[in-house]
Amino acid sequence: MPMWTRRVMVLLGICAMALILAGCDKIQQSTGGPKDVKKVPVVGPEYVAPYVMGQTLKFNEEQIEPYLGKGWSLSREPWGRWSEGTVAEVRFSMSPDAPNAKHTLLVNGKIFMPAKQKVYVVLNGSELGELGALFREGTAKLEIPGNLLKGENLLAFEIENPVSPKELGQGQDPRKLGLAIASLQFGRE
């Protein structure tokens, strides 16, 4: 058998194995897989969830999953979700708005160990503010300059000193917590 034929057969075998493994993964996802594993919608890196101005994103509902980037706890709490680590991201797309329209961001939540934490809110690379100074009765309102919202957006919460309850002797939870969010909403000023 010529060398090129053997190489083609090896490549075909590798491709077939990859397809079989991908199919098994899809079967496991469709059947729910192991009961202790959280089911998260599978979206490609090019997918950015659409957001409608004024929509409230509730972090305790399944519909939040496509918006979440890195840095969020895998489990939802009855009230919302904890950040885990130093950065927690929310990715979303939206229709273009008036170029110089002023917008606001309402964040409903709380900071874990507020005396020791600083949480900065960054939208598309521009800092909007620091949450600790802005939270009033669980809600922070941040102003968004004119053309900062784009077609595709990255909202990041940068947590300066995440800490686990276990490290503080407050239980066995090993997650490095910083911010608990119940909901967020963008609006026009």
Protein backbone atom coordinates (compact mmCIF):
# COMPACT_ATOMS: atom_id res chain seq x y z
CA MET A 1 0.00 0.00 0.00
CA PRO A 2 1.47 3.40 -0.95
CA MET A 3 2.50 5.77 1.86
CA TRP A 4 -0.06 8.43 0.91
CA THR A 5 -2.89 5.87 1.19
CA ARG A 6 -1.82 4.95 4.72
CA ARG A 7 -1.70 8.63 5.71
CA VAL A 8 -5.21 9.23 4.34
CA MET A 9 -6.51 6.18 6.23
CA VAL A 10 -4.94 7.43 9.48
CA LEU A 11 -6.47 10.88 8.98
CA LEU A 12 -9.88 9.35 8.22
CA GLY A 13 -9.60 7.25 11.37
CA ILE A 14 -8.77 10.32 13.46
CA CYS A 15 -11.71 12.24 11.96
CA ALA A 16 -14.07 9.32 12.57
CA MET A 17 -12.95 9.06 16.22
CA ALA A 18 -13.47 12.81 16.71
CA LEU A 19 -17.01 12.54 15.30
CA ILE A 20 -17.80 9.57 17.53
CA LEU A 21 -16.54 11.39 20.62
CA ALA A 22 -18.48 14.54 19.72
CA GLY A 23 -21.62 12.43 19.25
CA CYS A 24 -21.16 10.77 22.65
CA ASP A 25 -20.77 14.19 24.26
CA LYS A 26 -24.03 15.36 22.62
CA ILE A 27 -25.83 12.21 23.80
CA GLN A 28 -24.58 12.79 27.35
CA GLN A 29 -25.76 16.42 27.18
CA SER A 30 -29.19 15.47 25.83
CA THR A 31 -29.72 12.79 28.48
CA GLY A 32 -28.62 15.14 31.23
CA GLY A 33 -25.28 13.44 31.88
CA PRO A 34 -24.22 12.87 35.46
CA LYS A 35 -26.72 14.31 37.93
CA ASP A 36 -24.11 16.34 39.84
CA VAL A 37 -22.93 18.26 36.74
CA LYS A 38 -24.57 21.61 35.97
CA LYS A 39 -26.05 21.77 32.47
CA VAL A 40 -24.88 24.92 30.71
CA PRO A 41 -26.03 25.78 27.19
CA VAL A 42 -23.30 25.07 24.66
CA VAL A 43 -22.53 28.15 22.59
CA GLY A 44 -19.57 28.83 20.37
CA PRO A 45 -17.01 31.53 21.08
CA GLU A 46 -18.57 33.66 18.33
CA TYR A 47 -22.00 33.69 20.02
CA VAL A 48 -22.99 36.80 21.96
CA ALA A 49 -26.46 36.76 23.56
CA PRO A 50 -28.81 39.53 22.35
CA TYR A 51 -29.95 42.13 24.89
CA VAL A 52 -32.93 44.49 24.52
CA MET A 53 -32.57 47.91 26.16
CA GLY A 54 -34.52 47.93 29.43
CA GLN A 55 -34.51 44.13 29.80
CA THR A 56 -33.76 42.89 33.32
CA LEU A 57 -31.21 40.08 33.44
CA LYS A 58 -32.01 37.96 36.49
CA PHE A 59 -29.04 35.96 37.70
CA ASN A 60 -31.18 33.30 39.41
CA GLU A 61 -32.88 32.23 36.17
CA GLU A 62 -31.69 29.80 33.51
CA GLN A 63 -32.05 32.49 30.81
CA ILE A 64 -28.92 34.24 32.20
CA GLU A 65 -26.60 31.40 31.15
CA PRO A 66 -25.86 32.57 27.56
CA TYR A 67 -24.83 36.01 28.85
CA LEU A 68 -22.28 34.76 31.36
CA GLY A 69 -18.60 34.80 30.49
CA LYS A 70 -15.86 33.62 32.80
CA GLY A 71 -15.81 34.19 36.53
CA TRP A 72 -19.27 33.11 37.71
CA SER A 73 -20.15 30.33 40.09
CA LEU A 74 -21.64 27.33 38.29
CA SER A 75 -24.57 27.16 40.68
CA ARG A 76 -27.42 29.65 40.84
CA GLU A 77 -28.68 30.69 44.25
CA PRO A 78 -32.40 31.41 44.90
CA TRP A 79 -31.60 35.16 44.89
CA GLY A 80 -28.95 35.29 42.07
CA ARG A 81 -25.32 34.23 41.56
CA TRP A 82 -21.86 34.79 43.08
CA SER A 83 -18.79 35.87 41.17
CA GLU A 84 -15.89 33.49 41.60
CA GLY A 85 -12.33 34.81 41.23
CA THR A 86 -10.94 38.18 40.24
CA VAL A 87 -13.00 38.89 37.10
CA ALA A 88 -16.62 38.09 36.25
CA GLU A 89 -17.88 38.82 32.74
CA VAL A 90 -21.24 39.41 31.09
CA ARG A 91 -21.28 39.35 27.26
CA PHE A 92 -24.15 40.71 25.21
CA SER A 93 -25.06 42.22 21.86
CA MET A 94 -27.56 44.96 21.22
CA SER A 95 -29.01 47.03 18.39
CA PRO A 96 -27.22 50.29 17.74
CA ASP A 97 -28.67 53.18 19.71
CA ALA A 98 -28.48 56.92 19.15
CA PRO A 99 -24.71 57.57 18.94
CA ASN A 100 -24.47 60.04 21.81
CA ALA A 101 -27.40 58.85 23.93
CA LYS A 102 -26.69 58.60 27.65
CA HIS A 103 -27.35 55.26 29.28
CA THR A 104 -27.38 53.83 32.78
CA LEU A 105 -26.59 50.46 34.28
CA LEU A 106 -28.47 49.29 37.35
CA VAL A 107 -26.74 46.53 39.34
CA ASN A 108 -28.75 44.88 42.10
CA GLY A 109 -26.56 42.85 44.46
CA LYS A 110 -24.06 42.96 47.29
CA ILE A 111 -20.34 42.69 47.89
CA PHE A 112 -18.92 39.84 49.96
CA MET A 113 -16.91 41.36 52.85
CA PRO A 114 -17.50 44.98 51.67
CA ALA A 115 -14.93 46.42 54.08
CA LYS A 116 -12.19 44.40 52.36
CA GLN A 117 -13.41 44.34 48.75
CA LYS A 118 -13.23 46.73 45.86
CA VAL A 119 -15.27 45.85 42.80
CA TYR A 120 -14.74 47.90 39.64
CA VAL A 121 -17.25 47.90 36.77
CA VAL A 122 -15.68 48.01 33.30
CA LEU A 123 -17.64 48.22 30.04
CA ASN A 124 -15.77 47.57 26.80
CA GLY A 125 -12.48 48.48 28.46
CA SER A 126 -13.68 51.72 30.11
CA GLU A 127 -14.18 51.89 33.88
CA LEU A 128 -17.69 53.01 34.89
CA GLY A 129 -17.10 53.12 38.65
CA GLU A 130 -16.42 51.25 41.86
CA LEU A 131 -19.42 49.40 43.32
CA GLY A 132 -18.62 49.68 47.02
CA ALA A 133 -19.06 53.42 46.92
CA LEU A 134 -22.21 53.20 44.79
CA PHE A 135 -24.32 50.45 46.37
CA ARG A 136 -27.27 51.94 48.19
CA GLU A 137 -29.73 49.44 49.63
CA GLY A 138 -28.40 46.80 47.26
CA THR A 139 -28.63 48.79 44.03
CA ALA A 140 -25.92 50.73 42.22
CA LYS A 141 -26.66 53.08 39.34
CA LEU A 142 -23.78 53.80 36.99
CA GLU A 143 -23.78 56.31 34.15
CA ILE A 144 -22.56 55.13 30.76
CA PRO A 145 -20.99 57.74 28.47
CA GLY A 146 -22.46 58.34 25.00
CA ASN A 147 -20.99 55.88 22.54
CA LEU A 148 -19.60 53.26 24.95
CA LEU A 149 -22.29 50.66 24.19
CA LYS A 150 -21.53 48.81 20.95
CA GLY A 151 -23.08 46.05 18.85
CA GLU A 152 -21.12 43.47 20.91
CA ASN A 153 -20.26 44.31 24.52
CA LEU A 154 -18.21 43.01 27.42
CA LEU A 155 -19.20 44.06 30.93
CA ALA A 156 -16.58 43.03 33.48
CA PHE A 157 -16.62 43.15 37.26
CA GLU A 158 -13.03 43.31 38.49
CA ILE A 159 -12.77 42.10 42.09
CA GLU A 160 -9.70 43.21 43.99
CA ASN A 161 -9.63 40.70 46.89
CA PRO A 162 -11.93 37.71 46.39
CA VAL A 163 -11.95 35.45 49.44
CA SER A 164 -13.61 32.16 50.33
CA PRO A 165 -15.84 31.70 53.36
CA LYS A 166 -13.64 28.71 54.24
CA GLU A 167 -10.55 30.96 54.46
CA LEU A 168 -12.47 33.19 56.87
CA GLY A 169 -13.65 30.28 59.03
CA GLN A 170 -17.26 30.88 57.92
CA GLY A 171 -18.08 27.40 56.65
CA GLN A 172 -16.68 24.98 54.08
CA ASP A 173 -17.37 26.94 50.87
CA PRO A 174 -14.00 27.12 49.00
CA ARG A 175 -15.18 29.54 46.27
CA LYS A 176 -13.32 32.88 46.11
CA LEU A 177 -16.29 35.23 46.33
CA GLY A 178 -16.43 38.93 45.62
CA LEU A 179 -19.79 40.02 44.22
CA ALA A 180 -23.33 38.65 44.43
CA ILE A 181 -25.63 39.83 41.67
CA ALA A 182 -29.39 39.43 41.67
CA SER A 183 -30.01 41.39 38.46
CA LEU A 184 -28.74 44.05 36.12
CA GLN A 185 -30.39 46.31 33.61
CA PHE A 186 -29.28 48.84 30.99
CA GLY A 187 -31.52 51.83 30.34
CA ARG A 188 -31.63 55.17 28.55
CA GLU A 189 -31.18 58.32 30.57
